[in-house]
Amino acid sequence: MTIRPLTATAAGALLGMSALFLTAAPTAASERPARQIPEPVVNFPGFSDHDPDPDPDLRPQSDVRKPHRPPLTVAHRGASAYAPENTLAAVDKAHELGIDWVENDVQRTKDGELVVIHDTTLSRTTDVEDRFPDRSPWKVSDFTLKEMKTLDAGSWFDPQFKGEKIPTLGEYLDRLSRNGQELLLELKSPSAYPGIERETLGELRQKGWLDRRHIRSRLIIQSFDKSSIQEVHQQNPEVKTGFLGTPKVGDLKEYAKFTDQINPTYTDATKTYVDAVHALKGPHHKTLEVFTWTVNDADTARKVADAGVDGIITNKPDVISNAVQRTARVG
């Protein structure tokens, strides 16, 4: 999506990325996509205790995407078509491809450590069944961090990634900071981890990700769980949030009280639905955004871009970024 609230100050520039469900086998990456440069952002209430509420009639409309401006590309679980999902290798691959926005999934270990992994079990993306054959069903919440760090989280994808580890959230944030990347953080199955909203915000704060710069343009927290997003908004109203799913149009006004984004699957991201979302302003007085998922081909990317989405979450961020950039230039 062309990022509205995700825009940066006039002194900085945000950059392109991609989105959500692994469907493709590893392939060779294509050419490096052109960087996406968002529009300047203006201050608005909720992001600063010192900013006055500007007159709505005088407020610059920087939150409205201009025609033919490409959606933001978000790397789903990192560049997960080219490296094992939710690993530091996938983060680095996205960076190599020129993709700044990365999506991940956060859960909690048995001993209370926050880790980055999508499935609620360890079987699909690690060698846990070989290392701990008697620990079925191999749930994330049944293993300590020390035990998880013995697992190989790369070989299942490709032998060249043998020895890749499940990262902690702290390690993941450090790598993003080192690379200068931004984060779309998903709280995965939060009902299984009571208090994970507070703990995640605490880790983000400790790593410097709740300062003004990150909150304004470098961080979004999303979930399929409505109550979890409400909890994040209640605990820290300044943090930008997204709801994963497709609420009924008649319910959107209620969601706009606590979330800045409505993020449906690409099959639901029609122009009619996107327009209905864009007709409302969220808790930070900015137009609600739409990030859609998971788009891995150019034709679908162009279709949802034409529908007006603000962001596209993808396993192939280079393919999607190139597609929407070219469409924008043609338009």
C-alpha atoms as a PDB file:
ATOM      1  CA  MET A   1       0.000   0.000   0.000  1.00  0.00           C
ATOM      2  CA  THR A   2       1.074   3.441  -0.258  1.00  0.00           C
ATOM      3  CA  ILE A   3       1.588   4.086   3.217  1.00  0.00           C
ATOM      4  CA  ARG A   4      -0.418   6.818   4.796  1.00  0.00           C
ATOM      5  CA  PRO A   5       0.431   6.904   8.476  1.00  0.00           C
ATOM      6  CA  LEU A   6       3.452   4.905   7.514  1.00  0.00           C
ATOM      7  CA  THR A   7       4.968   7.933   5.815  1.00  0.00           C
ATOM      8  CA  ALA A   8       8.159   9.397   7.178  1.00  0.00           C
ATOM      9  CA  THR A   9       9.119  12.986   8.085  1.00  0.00           C
ATOM     10  CA  ALA A  10      10.397  15.370   5.415  1.00  0.00           C
ATOM     11  CA  ALA A  11      13.882  14.589   6.711  1.00  0.00           C
ATOM     12  CA  GLY A  12      13.578  10.874   5.996  1.00  0.00           C
ATOM     13  CA  ALA A  13      12.162   8.391   3.558  1.00  0.00           C
ATOM     14  CA  LEU A  14      10.378   5.085   3.939  1.00  0.00           C
ATOM     15  CA  LEU A  15      11.070   2.288   1.591  1.00  0.00           C
ATOM     16  CA  GLY A  16       9.333  -0.634  -0.192  1.00  0.00           C
ATOM     17  CA  MET A  17       8.338  -4.185   1.016  1.00  0.00           C
ATOM     18  CA  SER A  18       5.972  -7.431   1.001  1.00  0.00           C
ATOM     19  CA  ALA A  19       3.420 -10.171   2.663  1.00  0.00           C
ATOM     20  CA  LEU A  20       1.595 -13.428   4.324  1.00  0.00           C
ATOM     21  CA  PHE A  21       1.325 -17.394   3.554  1.00  0.00           C
ATOM     22  CA  LEU A  22       4.140 -19.485   2.122  1.00  0.00           C
ATOM     23  CA  THR A  23       3.107 -21.061  -1.131  1.00  0.00           C
ATOM     24  CA  ALA A  24       6.203 -20.968  -3.260  1.00  0.00           C
ATOM     25  CA  ALA A  25       9.252 -23.226  -3.350  1.00  0.00           C
ATOM     26  CA  PRO A  26      12.662 -21.561  -3.194  1.00  0.00           C
ATOM     27  CA  THR A  27      13.599 -19.850  -6.433  1.00  0.00           C
ATOM     28  CA  ALA A  28      16.288 -17.507  -7.576  1.00  0.00           C
ATOM     29  CA  ALA A  29      15.650 -13.887  -6.683  1.00  0.00           C
ATOM     30  CA  SER A  30      14.995 -11.455  -9.516  1.00  0.00           C
ATOM     31  CA  GLU A  31      16.556  -8.074 -10.052  1.00  0.00           C
ATOM     32  CA  ARG A  32      16.714  -5.658  -7.145  1.00  0.00           C
ATOM     33  CA  PRO A  33      13.502  -3.598  -7.107  1.00  0.00           C
ATOM     34  CA  ALA A  34      13.418   0.154  -7.132  1.00  0.00           C
ATOM     35  CA  ARG A  35      13.083   1.767  -3.735  1.00  0.00           C
ATOM     36  CA  GLN A  36       9.646   3.088  -2.785  1.00  0.00           C
ATOM     37  CA  ILE A  37       9.685   6.577  -1.314  1.00  0.00           C
ATOM     38  CA  PRO A  38       6.634   7.593   0.699  1.00  0.00           C
ATOM     39  CA  GLU A  39       5.250  11.080   1.015  1.00  0.00           C
ATOM     40  CA  PRO A  40       6.192  13.383   3.888  1.00  0.00           C
ATOM     41  CA  VAL A  41       4.128  12.972   7.030  1.00  0.00           C
ATOM     42  CA  VAL A  42       2.653  15.621   9.273  1.00  0.00           C
ATOM     43  CA  ASN A  43       2.326  15.486  13.021  1.00  0.00           C
ATOM     44  CA  PHE A  44      -1.026  14.443  14.428  1.00  0.00           C
ATOM     45  CA  PRO A  45      -2.471  13.789  17.872  1.00  0.00           C
ATOM     46  CA  GLY A  46      -1.572  10.469  19.393  1.00  0.00           C
ATOM     47  CA  PHE A  47       2.063  10.498  18.280  1.00  0.00           C
ATOM     48  CA  SER A  48       3.191  13.454  20.350  1.00  0.00           C
ATOM     49  CA  ASP A  49       2.030  14.972  23.581  1.00  0.00           C
ATOM     50  CA  HIS A  50       3.212  18.346  22.277  1.00  0.00           C
ATOM     51  CA  ASP A  51       1.559  18.454  18.877  1.00  0.00           C
ATOM     52  CA  PRO A  52      -1.662  20.513  18.740  1.00  0.00           C
ATOM     53  CA  ASP A  53      -4.651  19.078  16.910  1.00  0.00           C
ATOM     54  CA  PRO A  54      -4.587  20.886  13.559  1.00  0.00           C
ATOM     55  CA  ASP A  55      -7.713  22.231  11.961  1.00  0.00           C
ATOM     56  CA  PRO A  56      -9.058  19.340   9.832  1.00  0.00           C
ATOM     57  CA  ASP A  57      -9.709  21.742   6.966  1.00  0.00           C
ATOM     58  CA  LEU A  58      -6.086  22.889   7.014  1.00  0.00           C
ATOM     59  CA  ARG A  59      -4.437  19.501   7.642  1.00  0.00           C
ATOM     60  CA  PRO A  60      -2.382  18.352   4.618  1.00  0.00           C
ATOM     61  CA  GLN A  61      -3.919  15.247   3.063  1.00  0.00           C
ATOM     62  CA  SER A  62      -0.683  13.244   3.157  1.00  0.00           C
ATOM     63  CA  ASP A  63      -2.622  10.231   4.409  1.00  0.00           C
ATOM     64  CA  VAL A  64      -4.447   9.898   1.096  1.00  0.00           C
ATOM     65  CA  ARG A  65      -2.620   7.843  -1.530  1.00  0.00           C
ATOM     66  CA  LYS A  66      -2.194   9.694  -4.788  1.00  0.00           C
ATOM     67  CA  PRO A  67      -3.335   7.935  -7.966  1.00  0.00           C
ATOM     68  CA  HIS A  68      -0.803   5.468  -9.359  1.00  0.00           C
ATOM     69  CA  ARG A  69       1.404   5.638  -6.284  1.00  0.00           C
ATOM     70  CA  PRO A  70       2.536   2.067  -5.616  1.00  0.00           C
ATOM     71  CA  PRO A  71       1.532   0.163  -2.491  1.00  0.00           C
ATOM     72  CA  LEU A  72       4.192  -0.588   0.063  1.00  0.00           C
ATOM     73  CA  THR A  73       5.793  -4.035  -0.233  1.00  0.00           C
ATOM     74  CA  VAL A  74       6.165  -6.068   2.968  1.00  0.00           C
ATOM     75  CA  ALA A  75       8.354  -9.178   3.118  1.00  0.00           C
ATOM     76  CA  HIS A  76       6.196 -11.927   4.636  1.00  0.00           C
ATOM     77  CA  ARG A  77       8.161 -13.671   7.377  1.00  0.00           C
ATOM     78  CA  GLY A  78      11.138 -12.080   5.674  1.00  0.00           C
ATOM     79  CA  ALA A  79      11.911 -12.902   2.052  1.00  0.00           C
ATOM     80  CA  SER A  80      10.454 -16.320   2.716  1.00  0.00           C
ATOM     81  CA  ALA A  81      10.470 -17.571  -0.874  1.00  0.00           C
ATOM     82  CA  TYR A  82      14.259 -17.357  -0.821  1.00  0.00           C
ATOM     83  CA  ALA A  83      15.257 -18.119   2.780  1.00  0.00           C
ATOM     84  CA  PRO A  84      13.701 -20.011   5.714  1.00  0.00           C
ATOM     85  CA  GLU A  85      10.770 -18.039   7.090  1.00  0.00           C
ATOM     86  CA  ASN A  86      11.079 -15.951  10.252  1.00  0.00           C
ATOM     87  CA  THR A  87      14.853 -16.399  10.441  1.00  0.00           C
ATOM     88  CA  LEU A  88      17.548 -13.746  10.424  1.00  0.00           C
ATOM     89  CA  ALA A  89      18.588 -15.102   7.025  1.00  0.00           C
ATOM     90  CA  ALA A  90      15.138 -14.169   5.668  1.00  0.00           C
ATOM     91  CA  VAL A  91      15.472 -10.682   7.153  1.00  0.00           C
ATOM     92  CA  ASP A  92      18.862 -10.240   5.522  1.00  0.00           C
ATOM     93  CA  LYS A  93      17.570 -11.535   2.179  1.00  0.00           C
ATOM     94  CA  ALA A  94      14.798  -8.946   2.237  1.00  0.00           C
ATOM     95  CA  HIS A  95      17.406  -6.289   2.955  1.00  0.00           C
ATOM     96  CA  GLU A  96      19.545  -7.567   0.079  1.00  0.00           C
ATOM     97  CA  LEU A  97      16.517  -7.211  -2.218  1.00  0.00           C
ATOM     98  CA  GLY A  98      16.017  -3.602  -1.136  1.00  0.00           C
ATOM     99  CA  ILE A  99      12.933  -4.337   0.996  1.00  0.00           C
ATOM    100  CA  ASP A 100      12.640  -2.364   4.214  1.00  0.00           C
ATOM    101  CA  TRP A 101       9.366  -3.600   5.669  1.00  0.00           C
ATOM    102  CA  VAL A 102       9.408  -7.106   7.130  1.00  0.00           C
ATOM    103  CA  GLU A 103       6.534  -9.084   8.695  1.00  0.00           C
ATOM    104  CA  ASN A 104       7.066 -11.645  11.451  1.00  0.00           C
ATOM    105  CA  ASP A 105       5.178 -13.746  14.032  1.00  0.00           C
ATOM    106  CA  VAL A 106       5.790 -13.643  17.784  1.00  0.00           C
ATOM    107  CA  GLN A 107       5.059 -16.402  20.324  1.00  0.00           C
ATOM    108  CA  ARG A 108       6.357 -17.338  23.789  1.00  0.00           C
ATOM    109  CA  THR A 109       8.473 -20.237  25.045  1.00  0.00           C
ATOM    110  CA  LYS A 110       7.820 -22.394  28.083  1.00  0.00           C
ATOM    111  CA  ASP A 111      10.198 -20.243  30.131  1.00  0.00           C
ATOM    112  CA  GLY A 112       8.655 -16.962  29.031  1.00  0.00           C
ATOM    113  CA  GLU A 113      10.962 -15.852  26.218  1.00  0.00           C
ATOM    114  CA  LEU A 114       9.523 -14.189  23.120  1.00  0.00           C
ATOM    115  CA  VAL A 115      10.513 -15.952  19.912  1.00  0.00           C
ATOM    116  CA  VAL A 116       9.832 -15.435  16.208  1.00  0.00           C
ATOM    117  CA  ILE A 117       8.035 -18.392  14.635  1.00  0.00           C
ATOM    118  CA  HIS A 118       4.788 -18.805  12.711  1.00  0.00           C
ATOM    119  CA  ASP A 119       3.378 -22.236  13.586  1.00  0.00           C
ATOM    120  CA  THR A 120       2.295 -23.023  17.131  1.00  0.00           C
ATOM    121  CA  THR A 121       4.287 -26.271  16.786  1.00  0.00           C
ATOM    122  CA  LEU A 122       7.951 -26.682  15.889  1.00  0.00           C
ATOM    123  CA  SER A 123       7.606 -29.630  13.520  1.00  0.00           C
ATOM    124  CA  ARG A 124       7.310 -28.030  10.088  1.00  0.00           C
ATOM    125  CA  THR A 125      10.227 -25.615  10.269  1.00  0.00           C
ATOM    126  CA  THR A 126      12.754 -27.395  12.529  1.00  0.00           C
ATOM    127  CA  ASP A 127      14.242 -30.832  13.222  1.00  0.00           C
ATOM    128  CA  VAL A 128      12.471 -31.047  16.592  1.00  0.00           C
ATOM    129  CA  GLU A 129      10.981 -34.489  15.887  1.00  0.00           C
ATOM    130  CA  ASP A 130      14.474 -35.921  15.439  1.00  0.00           C
ATOM    131  CA  ARG A 131      15.969 -34.173  18.451  1.00  0.00           C
ATOM    132  CA  PHE A 132      13.031 -34.621  20.800  1.00  0.00           C
ATOM    133  CA  PRO A 133      11.085 -37.641  19.471  1.00  0.00           C
ATOM    134  CA  ASP A 134       9.149 -38.137  22.718  1.00  0.00           C
ATOM    135  CA  ARG A 135       7.840 -34.552  23.021  1.00  0.00           C
ATOM    136  CA  SER A 136       4.859 -34.708  20.626  1.00  0.00           C
ATOM    137  CA  PRO A 137       2.984 -32.530  19.635  1.00  0.00           C
ATOM    138  CA  TRP A 138       6.088 -30.306  19.844  1.00  0.00           C
ATOM    139  CA  LYS A 139       4.257 -27.117  20.770  1.00  0.00           C
ATOM    140  CA  VAL A 140       6.247 -23.890  20.973  1.00  0.00           C
ATOM    141  CA  SER A 141       4.902 -23.319  24.477  1.00  0.00           C
ATOM    142  CA  ASP A 142       6.251 -26.688  25.678  1.00  0.00           C
ATOM    143  CA  PHE A 143       9.920 -25.941  24.966  1.00  0.00           C
ATOM    144  CA  THR A 144      12.389 -23.655  26.706  1.00  0.00           C
ATOM    145  CA  LEU A 145      14.487 -21.186  24.776  1.00  0.00           C
ATOM    146  CA  LYS A 146      17.606 -23.249  25.488  1.00  0.00           C
ATOM    147  CA  GLU A 147      15.954 -26.298  23.947  1.00  0.00           C
ATOM    148  CA  MET A 148      14.793 -24.317  20.929  1.00  0.00           C
ATOM    149  CA  LYS A 149      18.283 -22.992  20.315  1.00  0.00           C
ATOM    150  CA  THR A 150      19.476 -26.586  19.731  1.00  0.00           C
ATOM    151  CA  LEU A 151      17.110 -26.925  16.759  1.00  0.00           C
ATOM    152  CA  ASP A 152      17.973 -26.492  13.097  1.00  0.00           C
ATOM    153  CA  ALA A 153      15.484 -24.031  11.603  1.00  0.00           C
ATOM    154  CA  GLY A 154      17.054 -23.878   8.142  1.00  0.00           C
ATOM    155  CA  SER A 155      17.682 -27.300   6.627  1.00  0.00           C
ATOM    156  CA  TRP A 156      13.988 -28.008   6.019  1.00  0.00           C
ATOM    157  CA  PHE A 157      14.068 -25.173   3.496  1.00  0.00           C
ATOM    158  CA  ASP A 158      17.429 -25.771   1.874  1.00  0.00           C
ATOM    159  CA  PRO A 159      20.691 -27.460   3.006  1.00  0.00           C
ATOM    160  CA  GLN A 160      22.559 -24.179   2.543  1.00  0.00           C
ATOM    161  CA  PHE A 161      20.677 -22.825   5.582  1.00  0.00           C
ATOM    162  CA  LYS A 162      21.660 -25.690   7.878  1.00  0.00           C
ATOM    163  CA  GLY A 163      22.156 -24.462  11.440  1.00  0.00           C
ATOM    164  CA  GLU A 164      19.882 -21.420  11.142  1.00  0.00           C
ATOM    165  CA  LYS A 165      18.231 -20.787  14.507  1.00  0.00           C
ATOM    166  CA  ILE A 166      14.838 -19.622  15.740  1.00  0.00           C
ATOM    167  CA  PRO A 167      15.518 -16.018  16.746  1.00  0.00           C
ATOM    168  CA  THR A 168      14.279 -14.341  19.879  1.00  0.00           C
ATOM    169  CA  LEU A 169      12.290 -11.164  19.341  1.00  0.00           C
ATOM    170  CA  GLY A 170      15.222  -9.214  20.766  1.00  0.00           C
ATOM    171  CA  GLU A 171      17.649 -10.746  18.266  1.00  0.00           C
ATOM    172  CA  TYR A 172      15.220 -10.060  15.464  1.00  0.00           C
ATOM    173  CA  LEU A 173      14.815  -6.402  16.440  1.00  0.00           C
ATOM    174  CA  ASP A 174      18.589  -6.003  16.647  1.00  0.00           C
ATOM    175  CA  ARG A 175      18.968  -7.315  13.098  1.00  0.00           C
ATOM    176  CA  LEU A 176      16.258  -5.022  11.766  1.00  0.00           C
ATOM    177  CA  SER A 177      17.921  -2.070  13.466  1.00  0.00           C
ATOM    178  CA  ARG A 178      21.290  -3.031  12.011  1.00  0.00           C
ATOM    179  CA  ASN A 179      19.780  -3.253   8.523  1.00  0.00           C
ATOM    180  CA  GLY A 180      17.645  -0.112   8.901  1.00  0.00           C
ATOM    181  CA  GLN A 181      14.428  -2.053   8.319  1.00  0.00           C
ATOM    182  CA  GLU A 182      10.880  -1.646   9.610  1.00  0.00           C
ATOM    183  CA  LEU A 183       8.589  -4.191  11.281  1.00  0.00           C
ATOM    184  CA  LEU A 184       5.032  -5.424  10.844  1.00  0.00           C
ATOM    185  CA  LEU A 185       4.808  -7.601  13.960  1.00  0.00           C
ATOM    186  CA  GLU A 186       2.062 -10.199  14.257  1.00  0.00           C
ATOM    187  CA  LEU A 187       1.015 -11.510  17.643  1.00  0.00           C
ATOM    188  CA  LYS A 188       0.433 -15.161  16.773  1.00  0.00           C
ATOM    189  CA  SER A 189      -2.296 -17.024  18.698  1.00  0.00           C
ATOM    190  CA  PRO A 190      -2.152 -14.503  21.565  1.00  0.00           C
ATOM    191  CA  SER A 191      -4.945 -16.235  23.481  1.00  0.00           C
ATOM    192  CA  ALA A 192      -2.479 -19.087  24.116  1.00  0.00           C
ATOM    193  CA  TYR A 193      -0.041 -16.653  25.731  1.00  0.00           C
ATOM    194  CA  PRO A 194      -1.823 -14.453  28.280  1.00  0.00           C
ATOM    195  CA  GLY A 195      -0.014 -11.160  28.760  1.00  0.00           C
ATOM    196  CA  ILE A 196       1.997 -11.392  25.541  1.00  0.00           C
ATOM    197  CA  GLU A 197       0.833  -7.923  24.495  1.00  0.00           C
ATOM    198  CA  ARG A 198       2.432  -6.320  27.564  1.00  0.00           C
ATOM    199  CA  GLU A 199       5.565  -8.452  27.217  1.00  0.00           C
ATOM    200  CA  THR A 200       5.965  -7.622  23.532  1.00  0.00           C
ATOM    201  CA  LEU A 201       5.573  -3.915  24.188  1.00  0.00           C
ATOM    202  CA  GLY A 202       8.124  -4.256  26.971  1.00  0.00           C
ATOM    203  CA  GLU A 203      10.678  -5.875  24.650  1.00  0.00           C
ATOM    204  CA  LEU A 204      10.043  -3.267  21.989  1.00  0.00           C
ATOM    205  CA  ARG A 205      10.576  -0.520  24.552  1.00  0.00           C
ATOM    206  CA  GLN A 206      13.784  -2.098  25.828  1.00  0.00           C
ATOM    207  CA  LYS A 207      15.163  -2.295  22.297  1.00  0.00           C
ATOM    208  CA  GLY A 208      14.290   1.333  21.542  1.00  0.00           C
ATOM    209  CA  TRP A 209      11.383   0.540  19.228  1.00  0.00           C
ATOM    210  CA  LEU A 210       8.807   2.621  21.086  1.00  0.00           C
ATOM    211  CA  ASP A 211      10.523   5.959  20.597  1.00  0.00           C
ATOM    212  CA  ARG A 212       8.870   8.655  18.502  1.00  0.00           C
ATOM    213  CA  ARG A 213      10.686   7.742  15.291  1.00  0.00           C
ATOM    214  CA  HIS A 214       9.730   4.052  15.402  1.00  0.00           C
ATOM    215  CA  ILE A 215       6.149   4.650  16.463  1.00  0.00           C
ATOM    216  CA  ARG A 216       5.582   7.206  13.721  1.00  0.00           C
ATOM    217  CA  SER A 217       6.990   5.286  10.778  1.00  0.00           C
ATOM    218  CA  ARG A 218       8.746   2.009  11.549  1.00  0.00           C
ATOM    219  CA  LEU A 219       6.424  -0.256  13.563  1.00  0.00           C
ATOM    220  CA  ILE A 220       2.966  -1.809  13.251  1.00  0.00           C
ATOM    221  CA  ILE A 221       1.516  -4.518  15.508  1.00  0.00           C
ATOM    222  CA  GLN A 222      -1.192  -6.723  14.009  1.00  0.00           C
ATOM    223  CA  SER A 223      -3.167  -9.848  14.873  1.00  0.00           C
ATOM    224  CA  PHE A 224      -6.148 -11.939  13.821  1.00  0.00           C
ATOM    225  CA  ASP A 225      -7.290 -11.613  17.431  1.00  0.00           C
ATOM    226  CA  LYS A 226      -9.459  -8.511  17.857  1.00  0.00           C
ATOM    227  CA  SER A 227      -9.171  -8.467  21.651  1.00  0.00           C
ATOM    228  CA  SER A 228      -5.380  -8.644  21.418  1.00  0.00           C
ATOM    229  CA  ILE A 229      -5.210  -5.570  19.189  1.00  0.00           C
ATOM    230  CA  GLN A 230      -7.598  -3.776  21.519  1.00  0.00           C
ATOM    231  CA  GLU A 231      -5.259  -4.655  24.386  1.00  0.00           C
ATOM    232  CA  VAL A 232      -2.218  -3.298  22.550  1.00  0.00           C
ATOM    233  CA  HIS A 233      -4.075  -0.073  21.812  1.00  0.00           C
ATOM    234  CA  GLN A 234      -5.201   0.241  25.423  1.00  0.00           C
ATOM    235  CA  GLN A 235      -1.711  -0.322  26.812  1.00  0.00           C
ATOM    236  CA  ASN A 236       0.004   2.020  24.365  1.00  0.00           C
ATOM    237  CA  PRO A 237      -2.420   4.120  22.291  1.00  0.00           C
ATOM    238  CA  GLU A 238       0.415   5.643  20.256  1.00  0.00           C
ATOM    239  CA  VAL A 239       1.420   2.333  18.666  1.00  0.00           C
ATOM    240  CA  LYS A 240       0.067   1.764  15.178  1.00  0.00           C
ATOM    241  CA  THR A 241      -2.036  -1.402  14.926  1.00  0.00           C
ATOM    242  CA  GLY A 242      -3.623  -3.615  12.289  1.00  0.00           C
ATOM    243  CA  PHE A 243      -6.426  -6.161  12.339  1.00  0.00           C
ATOM    244  CA  LEU A 244      -5.944  -9.227  10.155  1.00  0.00           C
ATOM    245  CA  GLY A 245      -9.225 -10.210   8.573  1.00  0.00           C
ATOM    246  CA  THR A 246     -12.256  -8.841   6.765  1.00  0.00           C
ATOM    247  CA  PRO A 247     -14.805  -7.334   9.151  1.00  0.00           C
ATOM    248  CA  LYS A 248     -18.214  -6.568   7.745  1.00  0.00           C
ATOM    249  CA  VAL A 249     -18.441  -3.071   6.306  1.00  0.00           C
ATOM    250  CA  GLY A 250     -21.062  -2.202   8.909  1.00  0.00           C
ATOM    251  CA  ASP A 251     -18.590  -3.091  11.685  1.00  0.00           C
ATOM    252  CA  LEU A 252     -15.638  -1.088  10.382  1.00  0.00           C
ATOM    253  CA  LYS A 253     -16.526   1.999  12.405  1.00  0.00           C
ATOM    254  CA  GLU A 254     -16.140  -0.019  15.618  1.00  0.00           C
ATOM    255  CA  TYR A 255     -12.709  -1.311  14.515  1.00  0.00           C
ATOM    256  CA  ALA A 256     -11.615   2.222  13.662  1.00  0.00           C
ATOM    257  CA  LYS A 257     -11.695   3.023  17.371  1.00  0.00           C
ATOM    258  CA  PHE A 258      -8.625   0.877  18.085  1.00  0.00           C
ATOM    259  CA  THR A 259      -6.892  -0.125  14.844  1.00  0.00           C
ATOM    260  CA  ASP A 260      -5.163   1.844  12.098  1.00  0.00           C
ATOM    261  CA  GLN A 261      -5.349  -0.904   9.485  1.00  0.00           C
ATOM    262  CA  ILE A 262      -7.773  -3.525   8.209  1.00  0.00           C
ATOM    263  CA  ASN A 263      -5.694  -6.253   6.544  1.00  0.00           C
ATOM    264  CA  PRO A 264      -7.728  -8.752   4.514  1.00  0.00           C
ATOM    265  CA  THR A 265      -6.629 -11.629   2.318  1.00  0.00           C
ATOM    266  CA  TYR A 266      -6.133 -10.580  -1.290  1.00  0.00           C
ATOM    267  CA  THR A 267      -9.345 -12.287  -2.396  1.00  0.00           C
ATOM    268  CA  ASP A 268     -11.268  -9.883  -0.151  1.00  0.00           C
ATOM    269  CA  ALA A 269      -9.294  -6.782  -1.132  1.00  0.00           C
ATOM    270  CA  THR A 270     -11.786  -5.534  -3.714  1.00  0.00           C
ATOM    271  CA  LYS A 271     -12.045  -1.874  -4.634  1.00  0.00           C
ATOM    272  CA  THR A 272     -15.463  -1.701  -2.965  1.00  0.00           C
ATOM    273  CA  TYR A 273     -14.097  -3.049   0.317  1.00  0.00           C
ATOM    274  CA  VAL A 274     -10.914  -0.982   0.197  1.00  0.00           C
ATOM    275  CA  ASP A 275     -12.948   2.166  -0.455  1.00  0.00           C
ATOM    276  CA  ALA A 276     -15.162   1.351   2.543  1.00  0.00           C
ATOM    277  CA  VAL A 277     -12.097   1.058   4.764  1.00  0.00           C
ATOM    278  CA  HIS A 278     -10.565   4.243   3.378  1.00  0.00           C
ATOM    279  CA  ALA A 279     -13.772   6.133   4.109  1.00  0.00           C
ATOM    280  CA  LEU A 280     -12.978   5.977   7.845  1.00  0.00           C
ATOM    281  CA  LYS A 281     -10.288   7.454  10.071  1.00  0.00           C
ATOM    282  CA  GLY A 282      -8.591   5.427  12.754  1.00  0.00           C
ATOM    283  CA  PRO A 283      -7.596   6.227  16.343  1.00  0.00           C
ATOM    284  CA  HIS A 284      -4.786   8.537  15.186  1.00  0.00           C
ATOM    285  CA  HIS A 285      -7.141  10.586  13.015  1.00  0.00           C
ATOM    286  CA  LYS A 286      -5.603   9.208   9.831  1.00  0.00           C
ATOM    287  CA  THR A 287      -7.383   7.355   7.036  1.00  0.00           C
ATOM    288  CA  LEU A 288      -7.580   3.627   7.737  1.00  0.00           C
ATOM    289  CA  GLU A 289      -5.109   1.616   5.671  1.00  0.00           C
ATOM    290  CA  VAL A 290      -5.338  -1.755   3.941  1.00  0.00           C
ATOM    291  CA  PHE A 291      -2.417  -4.198   3.788  1.00  0.00           C
ATOM    292  CA  THR A 292      -3.386  -7.349   1.919  1.00  0.00           C
ATOM    293  CA  TRP A 293      -1.849 -10.849   1.903  1.00  0.00           C
ATOM    294  CA  THR A 294      -0.393 -13.114   0.611  1.00  0.00           C
ATOM    295  CA  VAL A 295       0.350 -12.016  -2.947  1.00  0.00           C
ATOM    296  CA  ASN A 296       3.183 -13.744  -4.806  1.00  0.00           C
ATOM    297  CA  ASP A 297       2.556 -12.972  -8.482  1.00  0.00           C
ATOM    298  CA  ALA A 298       2.661  -9.796 -10.524  1.00  0.00           C
ATOM    299  CA  ASP A 299      -0.863 -10.023 -11.942  1.00  0.00           C
ATOM    300  CA  THR A 300      -2.491 -10.265  -8.517  1.00  0.00           C
ATOM    301  CA  ALA A 301      -0.229  -7.497  -7.226  1.00  0.00           C
ATOM    302  CA  ARG A 302      -1.379  -5.180 -10.004  1.00  0.00           C
ATOM    303  CA  LYS A 303      -5.008  -6.126  -9.355  1.00  0.00           C
ATOM    304  CA  VAL A 304      -4.933  -5.264  -5.641  1.00  0.00           C
ATOM    305  CA  ALA A 305      -2.870  -2.158  -6.361  1.00  0.00           C
ATOM    306  CA  ASP A 306      -5.601  -1.023  -8.737  1.00  0.00           C
ATOM    307  CA  ALA A 307      -8.120  -1.686  -5.951  1.00  0.00           C
ATOM    308  CA  GLY A 308      -6.246   0.906  -3.897  1.00  0.00           C
ATOM    309  CA  VAL A 309      -4.522  -1.153  -1.182  1.00  0.00           C
ATOM    310  CA  ASP A 310      -1.796   0.564   0.776  1.00  0.00           C
ATOM    311  CA  GLY A 311       0.469  -2.425   1.281  1.00  0.00           C
ATOM    312  CA  ILE A 312       1.067  -5.908  -0.130  1.00  0.00           C
ATOM    313  CA  ILE A 313       2.463  -8.684   2.051  1.00  0.00           C
ATOM    314  CA  THR A 314       4.380 -11.260   0.027  1.00  0.00           C
ATOM    315  CA  ASN A 315       6.897 -14.096   0.106  1.00  0.00           C
ATOM    316  CA  LYS A 316       8.443 -12.689  -3.095  1.00  0.00           C
ATOM    317  CA  PRO A 317       8.989  -9.025  -2.307  1.00  0.00           C
ATOM    318  CA  ASP A 318      11.211  -8.392  -5.319  1.00  0.00           C
ATOM    319  CA  VAL A 319       8.558  -9.668  -7.735  1.00  0.00           C
ATOM    320  CA  ILE A 320       5.778  -7.640  -6.133  1.00  0.00           C
ATOM    321  CA  SER A 321       7.785  -4.445  -5.709  1.00  0.00           C
ATOM    322  CA  ASN A 322       8.874  -4.524  -9.338  1.00  0.00           C
ATOM    323  CA  ALA A 323       5.310  -5.193 -10.511  1.00  0.00           C
ATOM    324  CA  VAL A 324       3.695  -2.308  -8.631  1.00  0.00           C
ATOM    325  CA  GLN A 325       6.512   0.112  -9.409  1.00  0.00           C
ATOM    326  CA  ARG A 326       6.173  -0.561 -13.114  1.00  0.00           C
ATOM    327  CA  THR A 327       2.412  -0.263 -12.931  1.00  0.00           C
ATOM    328  CA  ALA A 328       2.775   3.098 -11.190  1.00  0.00           C
ATOM    329  CA  ARG A 329       5.187   4.357 -13.849  1.00  0.00           C
ATOM    330  CA  VAL A 330       2.859   3.236 -16.636  1.00  0.00           C
ATOM    331  CA  GLY A 331      -0.106   4.828 -14.843  1.00  0.00           C
END
